[in-house]
Every structure is written in C-alpha cells, then in structure tokens.
Amino acid sequence: MISEESKVRFDREVAKYPADQKQSAVMACLAIAQQELGYISEETERHIAQYLGMPVMAVHEVTTFYNMYNQKPVGKYKLNVCTNLPCQLREGVSTLKYLEKKLGILMGETTPDGMFTLQQSECLGACADSPVLLVNDRSMCSFMSPEKLDQLVDGLRAAGDK
C-alpha cells in the first residue's frame, strides 16, 4: 500500500491547510500516491479518504474528474492527445488516429510491451499550438505533425529500452 515516506509527504501537504480543511490536500495526496503506486486503485482512494476524513466518494469524484489520475496501470509513457473542439479543427482527432496506427492500439489501451498508453484528453490549454499532446501529465508537445509524432514515439521507445 502507501509507504511511510509517502505518508510523511501527505502530512506536509495537509499542514498547508487549516486543521478543519485537510481535505483540501486531496489532489496532492492523490498525486503522491500515484507517483509511488503508478495508479489510484479503489483501495488507495479508501486510504486517502480515511486519512483526510472525507467520504470515499468525494475522493473518487476527484480521481475520475481529472485525467491526470490513472485508475488502472498505464504504460511507462502515457500520451494524452487533446481532442477538444479547437484541436479537432486542427488535426487533433487525426493525430490520435495516427498514434493508434503507429502504436497498434486503440485509444484507452496500453501497448503489449507496457511502453505506451494512449488516451484522449480534454482541453490542454494550448489551442493555438494544436494538435497538442501531453506526455506523462508533464511534458506538452505542440504542433504534432506525423513526422514529429514519429520522432517522439521513436525517441521515447529508445529511451525506455535503456
């Protein structure tokens, strides 16, 4: 389950809020747990809910609202492709389809080698740079042409094989 080291990190996050508002640290606690465990299971949601003194459903609502929280194991590289309307108008959906073909998986799936998980995403806030995708919820990639997608995937695959 959650290590003592992560619980210490939980304590630091909770300390940022008044004692009667410790549930405000739910997003930080979810992020810490995901860093350690790779995804947020129902058991993890229950543990965080108990720790923060809030209903399990309230934690689950946060987990399911934001696509940065993985509800099942994902590949080493999670690729979130924006398919919101502005990106749709600038090749967002075809970008997703291109990656499905290149990776040999459908949106929502993980490659058999566990290297890539492909997801669609709501607005990533970079409409002028579309099509855009987010790698591992941290690195934004803009103006993703097929050539740039090939470079990205091939580069990540090479880095992941090391």
N, C-alpha and C. Protein backbone atom coordinates (compact mmCIF):
# COMPACT_ATOMS: atom_id res chain seq x y z
N MET A 1 0.84 -1.20 0.00
CA MET A 1 0.00 0.00 0.00
C MET A 1 0.87 1.24 0.00
N ILE A 2 0.49 2.24 0.69
CA ILE A 2 1.21 3.52 0.68
C ILE A 2 2.33 3.47 1.73
N SER A 3 3.53 3.84 1.32
CA SER A 3 4.69 3.75 2.19
C SER A 3 4.66 4.84 3.27
N GLU A 4 5.48 4.63 4.28
CA GLU A 4 5.62 5.63 5.35
C GLU A 4 6.18 6.93 4.78
N GLU A 5 7.08 6.83 3.82
CA GLU A 5 7.65 8.03 3.19
C GLU A 5 6.55 8.87 2.53
N SER A 6 5.63 8.21 1.84
CA SER A 6 4.53 8.93 1.21
C SER A 6 3.59 9.52 2.25
N LYS A 7 3.38 8.81 3.35
CA LYS A 7 2.53 9.35 4.42
C LYS A 7 3.14 10.60 5.03
N VAL A 8 4.46 10.64 5.13
CA VAL A 8 5.14 11.85 5.61
C VAL A 8 4.89 13.00 4.62
N ARG A 9 4.92 12.67 3.33
CA ARG A 9 4.62 13.69 2.32
C ARG A 9 3.17 14.14 2.42
N PHE A 10 2.24 13.21 2.70
CA PHE A 10 0.84 13.58 2.93
C PHE A 10 0.77 14.59 4.07
N ASP A 11 1.47 14.29 5.18
CA ASP A 11 1.45 15.18 6.35
C ASP A 11 1.91 16.59 5.98
N ARG A 12 2.95 16.69 5.16
CA ARG A 12 3.44 18.02 4.74
C ARG A 12 2.39 18.77 3.93
N GLU A 13 1.67 18.05 3.09
CA GLU A 13 0.62 18.69 2.29
C GLU A 13 -0.55 19.13 3.16
N VAL A 14 -0.97 18.27 4.07
CA VAL A 14 -2.09 18.60 4.96
C VAL A 14 -1.75 19.80 5.83
N ALA A 15 -0.51 19.92 6.23
CA ALA A 15 -0.08 21.03 7.10
C ALA A 15 -0.23 22.40 6.43
N LYS A 16 -0.41 22.42 5.14
CA LYS A 16 -0.57 23.69 4.42
C LYS A 16 -1.96 24.30 4.59
N TYR A 17 -2.88 23.53 5.17
CA TYR A 17 -4.27 23.96 5.28
C TYR A 17 -4.71 23.99 6.74
N PRO A 18 -5.74 24.79 7.05
CA PRO A 18 -6.28 24.77 8.42
C PRO A 18 -6.74 23.35 8.77
N ALA A 19 -6.66 23.01 10.03
CA ALA A 19 -6.96 21.65 10.50
C ALA A 19 -8.34 21.16 10.06
N ASP A 20 -9.31 22.07 10.00
CA ASP A 20 -10.67 21.66 9.62
C ASP A 20 -10.86 21.60 8.10
N GLN A 21 -9.78 21.85 7.34
CA GLN A 21 -9.88 21.82 5.88
C GLN A 21 -8.82 20.91 5.25
N LYS A 22 -8.46 19.87 5.97
CA LYS A 22 -7.40 19.00 5.46
C LYS A 22 -7.77 18.29 4.17
N GLN A 23 -9.07 18.17 3.87
CA GLN A 23 -9.49 17.56 2.61
C GLN A 23 -9.01 18.37 1.41
N SER A 24 -8.59 19.60 1.64
CA SER A 24 -8.05 20.43 0.55
C SER A 24 -6.78 19.84 -0.03
N ALA A 25 -6.16 18.93 0.68
CA ALA A 25 -4.92 18.29 0.21
C ALA A 25 -5.19 17.04 -0.62
N VAL A 26 -6.45 16.78 -0.98
CA VAL A 26 -6.78 15.54 -1.68
C VAL A 26 -6.02 15.39 -2.99
N MET A 27 -5.93 16.45 -3.78
CA MET A 27 -5.24 16.33 -5.07
C MET A 27 -3.76 16.03 -4.88
N ALA A 28 -3.14 16.69 -3.92
CA ALA A 28 -1.73 16.44 -3.64
C ALA A 28 -1.52 15.01 -3.15
N CYS A 29 -2.38 14.53 -2.29
CA CYS A 29 -2.25 13.16 -1.78
C CYS A 29 -2.45 12.14 -2.89
N LEU A 30 -3.39 12.40 -3.78
CA LEU A 30 -3.58 11.50 -4.92
C LEU A 30 -2.33 11.48 -5.81
N ALA A 31 -1.75 12.65 -6.04
CA ALA A 31 -0.55 12.72 -6.88
C ALA A 31 0.62 11.97 -6.23
N ILE A 32 0.77 12.12 -4.94
CA ILE A 32 1.84 11.42 -4.21
C ILE A 32 1.64 9.91 -4.30
N ALA A 33 0.40 9.48 -4.06
CA ALA A 33 0.11 8.04 -4.13
C ALA A 33 0.36 7.51 -5.54
N GLN A 34 -0.03 8.26 -6.53
CA GLN A 34 0.18 7.80 -7.91
C GLN A 34 1.67 7.74 -8.26
N GLN A 35 2.44 8.69 -7.76
CA GLN A 35 3.89 8.64 -8.01
C GLN A 35 4.47 7.34 -7.45
N GLU A 36 3.99 6.93 -6.31
CA GLU A 36 4.51 5.73 -5.68
C GLU A 36 3.96 4.45 -6.31
N LEU A 37 2.66 4.43 -6.55
CA LEU A 37 1.99 3.18 -6.95
C LEU A 37 1.74 3.05 -8.45
N GLY A 38 1.81 4.17 -9.17
CA GLY A 38 1.60 4.14 -10.61
C GLY A 38 0.17 4.42 -11.02
N TYR A 39 -0.77 4.19 -10.14
CA TYR A 39 -2.18 4.48 -10.42
C TYR A 39 -2.93 4.54 -9.10
N ILE A 40 -4.19 4.99 -9.18
CA ILE A 40 -5.03 5.13 -7.99
C ILE A 40 -6.09 4.03 -8.00
N SER A 41 -5.95 3.06 -7.13
CA SER A 41 -6.92 1.97 -7.01
C SER A 41 -8.04 2.40 -6.06
N GLU A 42 -9.08 1.59 -6.00
CA GLU A 42 -10.16 1.85 -5.05
C GLU A 42 -9.62 1.79 -3.62
N GLU A 43 -8.71 0.87 -3.38
CA GLU A 43 -8.10 0.75 -2.05
C GLU A 43 -7.33 2.03 -1.69
N THR A 44 -6.62 2.59 -2.66
CA THR A 44 -5.89 3.83 -2.42
C THR A 44 -6.85 4.97 -2.14
N GLU A 45 -7.95 5.02 -2.89
CA GLU A 45 -8.97 6.05 -2.64
C GLU A 45 -9.51 5.93 -1.21
N ARG A 46 -9.77 4.70 -0.79
CA ARG A 46 -10.28 4.50 0.58
C ARG A 46 -9.27 4.96 1.62
N HIS A 47 -8.01 4.63 1.40
CA HIS A 47 -6.96 5.02 2.34
C HIS A 47 -6.86 6.54 2.43
N ILE A 48 -6.86 7.22 1.29
CA ILE A 48 -6.76 8.68 1.28
C ILE A 48 -8.00 9.31 1.92
N ALA A 49 -9.16 8.76 1.63
CA ALA A 49 -10.39 9.28 2.24
C ALA A 49 -10.34 9.17 3.76
N GLN A 50 -9.90 8.03 4.24
CA GLN A 50 -9.79 7.83 5.69
C GLN A 50 -8.75 8.81 6.27
N TYR A 51 -7.62 8.93 5.61
CA TYR A 51 -6.56 9.81 6.09
C TYR A 51 -7.04 11.26 6.18
N LEU A 52 -7.82 11.69 5.18
CA LEU A 52 -8.27 13.09 5.13
C LEU A 52 -9.62 13.30 5.81
N GLY A 53 -10.25 12.23 6.28
CA GLY A 53 -11.54 12.36 6.96
C GLY A 53 -12.65 12.83 6.04
N MET A 54 -12.69 12.24 4.85
CA MET A 54 -13.72 12.63 3.89
C MET A 54 -14.35 11.37 3.29
N PRO A 55 -15.52 11.49 2.69
CA PRO A 55 -16.16 10.32 2.09
C PRO A 55 -15.33 9.76 0.93
N VAL A 56 -15.33 8.45 0.81
CA VAL A 56 -14.61 7.80 -0.29
C VAL A 56 -15.12 8.32 -1.63
N MET A 57 -16.42 8.53 -1.74
CA MET A 57 -16.99 9.02 -3.00
C MET A 57 -16.42 10.39 -3.37
N ALA A 58 -16.15 11.22 -2.40
CA ALA A 58 -15.58 12.54 -2.69
C ALA A 58 -14.18 12.41 -3.28
N VAL A 59 -13.41 11.47 -2.77
CA VAL A 59 -12.07 11.21 -3.33
C VAL A 59 -12.21 10.63 -4.74
N HIS A 60 -13.14 9.70 -4.90
CA HIS A 60 -13.37 9.08 -6.21
C HIS A 60 -13.79 10.12 -7.24
N GLU A 61 -14.59 11.08 -6.83
CA GLU A 61 -15.02 12.15 -7.76
C GLU A 61 -13.81 12.93 -8.27
N VAL A 62 -12.85 13.20 -7.42
CA VAL A 62 -11.63 13.90 -7.84
C VAL A 62 -10.82 13.01 -8.78
N THR A 63 -10.65 11.76 -8.40
CA THR A 63 -9.87 10.82 -9.21
C THR A 63 -10.44 10.70 -10.61
N THR A 64 -11.75 10.64 -10.73
CA THR A 64 -12.36 10.43 -12.04
C THR A 64 -12.57 11.72 -12.82
N PHE A 65 -12.55 12.87 -12.16
CA PHE A 65 -12.74 14.14 -12.86
C PHE A 65 -11.50 14.54 -13.65
N TYR A 66 -10.34 14.35 -13.07
CA TYR A 66 -9.09 14.78 -13.69
C TYR A 66 -8.42 13.60 -14.40
N ASN A 67 -8.01 13.81 -15.66
CA ASN A 67 -7.40 12.70 -16.38
C ASN A 67 -5.94 12.49 -16.03
N MET A 68 -5.41 13.27 -15.12
CA MET A 68 -4.02 13.06 -14.68
C MET A 68 -3.91 11.92 -13.68
N TYR A 69 -5.05 11.48 -13.14
CA TYR A 69 -5.04 10.35 -12.22
C TYR A 69 -5.38 9.08 -12.98
N ASN A 70 -4.50 8.12 -12.92
CA ASN A 70 -4.70 6.85 -13.60
C ASN A 70 -5.50 5.93 -12.68
N GLN A 71 -6.57 5.36 -13.21
CA GLN A 71 -7.42 4.48 -12.42
C GLN A 71 -7.08 3.01 -12.64
N LYS A 72 -6.11 2.78 -13.50
CA LYS A 72 -5.60 1.43 -13.72
C LYS A 72 -4.15 1.60 -14.16
N PRO A 73 -3.37 0.53 -14.11
CA PRO A 73 -1.97 0.65 -14.53
C PRO A 73 -1.87 1.17 -15.97
N VAL A 74 -0.88 2.00 -16.21
CA VAL A 74 -0.63 2.55 -17.54
C VAL A 74 0.80 2.23 -17.96
N GLY A 75 1.08 2.50 -19.22
CA GLY A 75 2.42 2.27 -19.74
C GLY A 75 3.43 3.23 -19.15
N LYS A 76 4.67 2.98 -19.46
CA LYS A 76 5.75 3.85 -19.00
C LYS A 76 5.53 5.28 -19.49
N TYR A 77 4.99 5.40 -20.69
CA TYR A 77 4.69 6.71 -21.27
C TYR A 77 3.20 6.81 -21.56
N LYS A 78 2.55 7.74 -20.89
CA LYS A 78 1.13 7.99 -21.12
C LYS A 78 1.02 9.19 -22.05
N LEU A 79 0.38 8.98 -23.19
CA LEU A 79 0.21 10.04 -24.19
C LEU A 79 -1.24 10.49 -24.19
N ASN A 80 -1.49 11.72 -23.78
CA ASN A 80 -2.83 12.30 -23.78
C ASN A 80 -2.94 13.26 -24.96
N VAL A 81 -3.75 12.92 -25.93
CA VAL A 81 -3.93 13.74 -27.13
C VAL A 81 -5.18 14.59 -26.95
N CYS A 82 -5.04 15.90 -27.12
CA CYS A 82 -6.19 16.79 -27.00
C CYS A 82 -7.11 16.60 -28.20
N THR A 83 -8.38 16.32 -27.92
CA THR A 83 -9.37 16.17 -28.97
C THR A 83 -10.55 17.13 -28.77
N ASN A 84 -10.33 18.17 -27.97
CA ASN A 84 -11.37 19.17 -27.77
C ASN A 84 -11.56 19.94 -29.07
N LEU A 85 -12.62 20.69 -29.21
CA LEU A 85 -13.01 21.29 -30.48
C LEU A 85 -11.89 22.06 -31.18
N PRO A 86 -11.20 22.99 -30.52
CA PRO A 86 -10.14 23.70 -31.26
C PRO A 86 -9.09 22.75 -31.83
N CYS A 87 -8.71 21.73 -31.08
CA CYS A 87 -7.73 20.77 -31.60
C CYS A 87 -8.35 19.89 -32.67
N GLN A 88 -9.64 19.57 -32.54
CA GLN A 88 -10.31 18.79 -33.59
C GLN A 88 -10.23 19.54 -34.92
N LEU A 89 -10.40 20.85 -34.85
CA LEU A 89 -10.37 21.66 -36.07
C LEU A 89 -8.97 21.76 -36.67
N ARG A 90 -7.96 21.37 -35.88
CA ARG A 90 -6.57 21.44 -36.35
C ARG A 90 -5.88 20.09 -36.21
N GLU A 91 -6.56 19.04 -36.63
CA GLU A 91 -5.98 17.70 -36.75
C GLU A 91 -5.81 16.92 -35.45
N GLY A 92 -6.49 17.31 -34.37
CA GLY A 92 -6.38 16.58 -33.12
C GLY A 92 -6.85 15.14 -33.21
N VAL A 93 -7.98 14.92 -33.85
CA VAL A 93 -8.51 13.56 -33.96
C VAL A 93 -7.63 12.73 -34.89
N SER A 94 -7.16 13.33 -35.98
CA SER A 94 -6.29 12.56 -36.88
C SER A 94 -4.95 12.26 -36.21
N THR A 95 -4.52 13.12 -35.30
CA THR A 95 -3.30 12.85 -34.52
C THR A 95 -3.50 11.62 -33.65
N LEU A 96 -4.66 11.55 -32.99
CA LEU A 96 -4.98 10.38 -32.17
C LEU A 96 -5.03 9.12 -33.04
N LYS A 97 -5.68 9.21 -34.19
CA LYS A 97 -5.78 8.06 -35.10
C LYS A 97 -4.40 7.64 -35.60
N TYR A 98 -3.54 8.59 -35.90
CA TYR A 98 -2.18 8.29 -36.35
C TYR A 98 -1.42 7.50 -35.28
N LEU A 99 -1.54 7.96 -34.03
CA LEU A 99 -0.86 7.27 -32.93
C LEU A 99 -1.46 5.88 -32.70
N GLU A 100 -2.76 5.73 -32.86
CA GLU A 100 -3.36 4.40 -32.73
C GLU A 100 -2.72 3.45 -33.73
N LYS A 101 -2.58 3.91 -34.96
CA LYS A 101 -1.99 3.07 -36.01
C LYS A 101 -0.51 2.80 -35.73
N LYS A 102 0.23 3.84 -35.37
CA LYS A 102 1.67 3.68 -35.13
C LYS A 102 1.95 2.74 -33.96
N LEU A 103 1.15 2.86 -32.89
CA LEU A 103 1.37 2.06 -31.70
C LEU A 103 0.66 0.70 -31.76
N GLY A 104 -0.28 0.55 -32.69
CA GLY A 104 -1.00 -0.71 -32.81
C GLY A 104 -2.00 -0.94 -31.70
N ILE A 105 -2.51 0.14 -31.12
CA ILE A 105 -3.51 0.06 -30.05
C ILE A 105 -4.61 1.08 -30.30
N LEU A 106 -5.71 0.93 -29.61
CA LEU A 106 -6.78 1.91 -29.67
C LEU A 106 -6.67 2.86 -28.49
N MET A 107 -7.32 3.99 -28.61
CA MET A 107 -7.37 4.95 -27.51
C MET A 107 -7.85 4.24 -26.25
N GLY A 108 -7.16 4.47 -25.14
CA GLY A 108 -7.50 3.84 -23.86
C GLY A 108 -6.74 2.56 -23.59
N GLU A 109 -5.97 2.11 -24.56
CA GLU A 109 -5.23 0.86 -24.40
C GLU A 109 -3.74 1.11 -24.16
N THR A 110 -3.06 0.06 -23.74
CA THR A 110 -1.63 0.08 -23.49
C THR A 110 -0.97 -0.93 -24.43
N THR A 111 0.19 -0.56 -24.97
CA THR A 111 0.91 -1.48 -25.86
C THR A 111 1.28 -2.74 -25.09
N PRO A 112 1.36 -3.89 -25.79
CA PRO A 112 1.67 -5.15 -25.11
C PRO A 112 2.98 -5.12 -24.33
N ASP A 113 3.95 -4.31 -24.77
CA ASP A 113 5.23 -4.23 -24.06
C ASP A 113 5.16 -3.32 -22.84
N GLY A 114 3.99 -2.70 -22.59
CA GLY A 114 3.84 -1.82 -21.43
C GLY A 114 4.51 -0.47 -21.58
N MET A 115 4.92 -0.14 -22.80
CA MET A 115 5.65 1.10 -23.01
C MET A 115 4.73 2.32 -23.12
N PHE A 116 3.61 2.20 -23.86
CA PHE A 116 2.75 3.35 -24.13
C PHE A 116 1.30 3.08 -23.78
N THR A 117 0.65 4.09 -23.19
CA THR A 117 -0.80 4.12 -23.03
C THR A 117 -1.27 5.35 -23.79
N LEU A 118 -2.30 5.19 -24.59
CA LEU A 118 -2.82 6.27 -25.42
C LEU A 118 -4.19 6.68 -24.91
N GLN A 119 -4.35 7.97 -24.64
CA GLN A 119 -5.63 8.49 -24.15
C GLN A 119 -5.98 9.76 -24.89
N GLN A 120 -7.27 10.04 -24.93
CA GLN A 120 -7.68 11.35 -25.42
C GLN A 120 -7.83 12.26 -24.21
N SER A 121 -7.78 13.53 -24.46
CA SER A 121 -7.81 14.49 -23.37
C SER A 121 -8.72 15.64 -23.73
N GLU A 122 -9.29 16.22 -22.73
CA GLU A 122 -10.00 17.48 -22.94
C GLU A 122 -8.96 18.59 -23.08
N CYS A 123 -9.38 19.79 -23.16
CA CYS A 123 -8.51 20.92 -23.45
C CYS A 123 -7.25 20.93 -22.58
N LEU A 124 -6.12 21.05 -23.24
CA LEU A 124 -4.84 21.15 -22.55
C LEU A 124 -4.36 22.60 -22.46
N GLY A 125 -5.19 23.53 -22.94
CA GLY A 125 -4.89 24.95 -22.80
C GLY A 125 -3.82 25.47 -23.76
N ALA A 126 -3.65 24.79 -24.86
CA ALA A 126 -2.66 25.23 -25.85
C ALA A 126 -3.28 25.20 -27.24
N CYS A 127 -4.47 25.75 -27.35
CA CYS A 127 -5.25 25.66 -28.59
C CYS A 127 -4.48 26.21 -29.80
N ALA A 128 -3.74 27.28 -29.62
CA ALA A 128 -3.01 27.88 -30.73
C ALA A 128 -1.86 26.99 -31.21
N ASP A 129 -1.47 26.01 -30.40
CA ASP A 129 -0.36 25.13 -30.73
C ASP A 129 -0.83 23.76 -31.23
N SER A 130 -2.11 23.60 -31.47
CA SER A 130 -2.65 22.29 -31.81
C SER A 130 -2.16 21.81 -33.17
N PRO A 131 -2.14 20.49 -33.34
CA PRO A 131 -2.52 19.50 -32.34
C PRO A 131 -1.46 19.34 -31.25
N VAL A 132 -1.95 19.12 -30.02
CA VAL A 132 -1.05 19.01 -28.88
C VAL A 132 -1.30 17.69 -28.15
N LEU A 133 -0.27 17.25 -27.44
CA LEU A 133 -0.42 16.11 -26.56
C LEU A 133 0.46 16.31 -25.35
N LEU A 134 0.14 15.59 -24.31
CA LEU A 134 0.83 15.69 -23.05
C LEU A 134 1.44 14.33 -22.74
N VAL A 135 2.74 14.30 -22.44
CA VAL A 135 3.43 13.06 -22.12
C VAL A 135 3.57 12.96 -20.61
N ASN A 136 3.03 11.88 -20.05
CA ASN A 136 3.12 11.61 -18.60
C ASN A 136 2.64 12.77 -17.74
N ASP A 137 1.62 13.46 -18.22
CA ASP A 137 0.99 14.55 -17.47
C ASP A 137 1.95 15.68 -17.16
N ARG A 138 3.09 15.76 -17.86
CA ARG A 138 4.09 16.77 -17.53
C ARG A 138 4.64 17.53 -18.73
N SER A 139 4.87 16.86 -19.84
CA SER A 139 5.56 17.49 -20.98
C SER A 139 4.59 17.73 -22.13
N MET A 140 4.37 19.01 -22.44
CA MET A 140 3.49 19.40 -23.53
C MET A 140 4.25 19.35 -24.84
N CYS A 141 3.64 18.73 -25.84
CA CYS A 141 4.21 18.67 -27.19
C CYS A 141 3.24 19.36 -28.14
N SER A 142 3.72 20.33 -28.88
CA SER A 142 2.87 21.18 -29.72
C SER A 142 3.14 20.96 -31.20
N PHE A 143 2.15 21.36 -32.02
CA PHE A 143 2.26 21.29 -33.48
C PHE A 143 2.67 19.89 -33.94
N MET A 144 1.98 18.86 -33.46
CA MET A 144 2.40 17.47 -33.66
C MET A 144 2.00 16.92 -35.03
N SER A 145 2.87 17.10 -35.98
CA SER A 145 2.72 16.53 -37.31
C SER A 145 3.06 15.03 -37.24
N PRO A 146 2.72 14.27 -38.28
CA PRO A 146 3.12 12.86 -38.29
C PRO A 146 4.63 12.68 -38.10
N GLU A 147 5.43 13.54 -38.69
CA GLU A 147 6.89 13.44 -38.54
C GLU A 147 7.31 13.66 -37.09
N LYS A 148 6.71 14.66 -36.45
CA LYS A 148 7.05 14.93 -35.05
C LYS A 148 6.54 13.81 -34.14
N LEU A 149 5.40 13.22 -34.47
CA LEU A 149 4.89 12.08 -33.69
C LEU A 149 5.83 10.89 -33.81
N ASP A 150 6.32 10.64 -35.03
CA ASP A 150 7.29 9.54 -35.22
C ASP A 150 8.54 9.78 -34.38
N GLN A 151 9.05 11.00 -34.41
CA GLN A 151 10.25 11.33 -33.63
C GLN A 151 10.00 11.14 -32.14
N LEU A 152 8.84 11.61 -31.67
CA LEU A 152 8.52 11.49 -30.25
C LEU A 152 8.44 10.03 -29.83
N VAL A 153 7.63 9.26 -30.52
CA VAL A 153 7.43 7.85 -30.15
C VAL A 153 8.73 7.07 -30.26
N ASP A 154 9.45 7.27 -31.35
CA ASP A 154 10.71 6.54 -31.53
C ASP A 154 11.73 6.93 -30.46
N GLY A 155 11.77 8.22 -30.12
CA GLY A 155 12.69 8.68 -29.08
C GLY A 155 12.34 8.14 -27.70
N LEU A 156 11.04 8.13 -27.39
CA LEU A 156 10.61 7.57 -26.09
C LEU A 156 10.87 6.08 -26.04
N ARG A 157 10.60 5.40 -27.14
CA ARG A 157 10.85 3.94 -27.18
C ARG A 157 12.34 3.65 -26.95
N ALA A 158 13.20 4.42 -27.61
CA ALA A 158 14.65 4.23 -27.45
C ALA A 158 15.07 4.52 -26.01
N ALA A 159 14.54 5.58 -25.43
CA ALA A 159 14.88 5.94 -24.05
C ALA A 159 14.34 4.89 -23.08
N GLY A 160 13.16 4.37 -23.35
CA GLY A 160 12.55 3.38 -22.47
C GLY A 160 13.22 2.03 -22.52
N ASP A 161 13.89 1.74 -23.63
CA ASP A 161 14.58 0.46 -23.77
C ASP A 161 15.89 0.42 -23.02
N LYS A 162 16.34 1.56 -22.53
CA LYS A 162 17.65 1.61 -21.84
C LYS A 162 17.52 1.23 -20.39
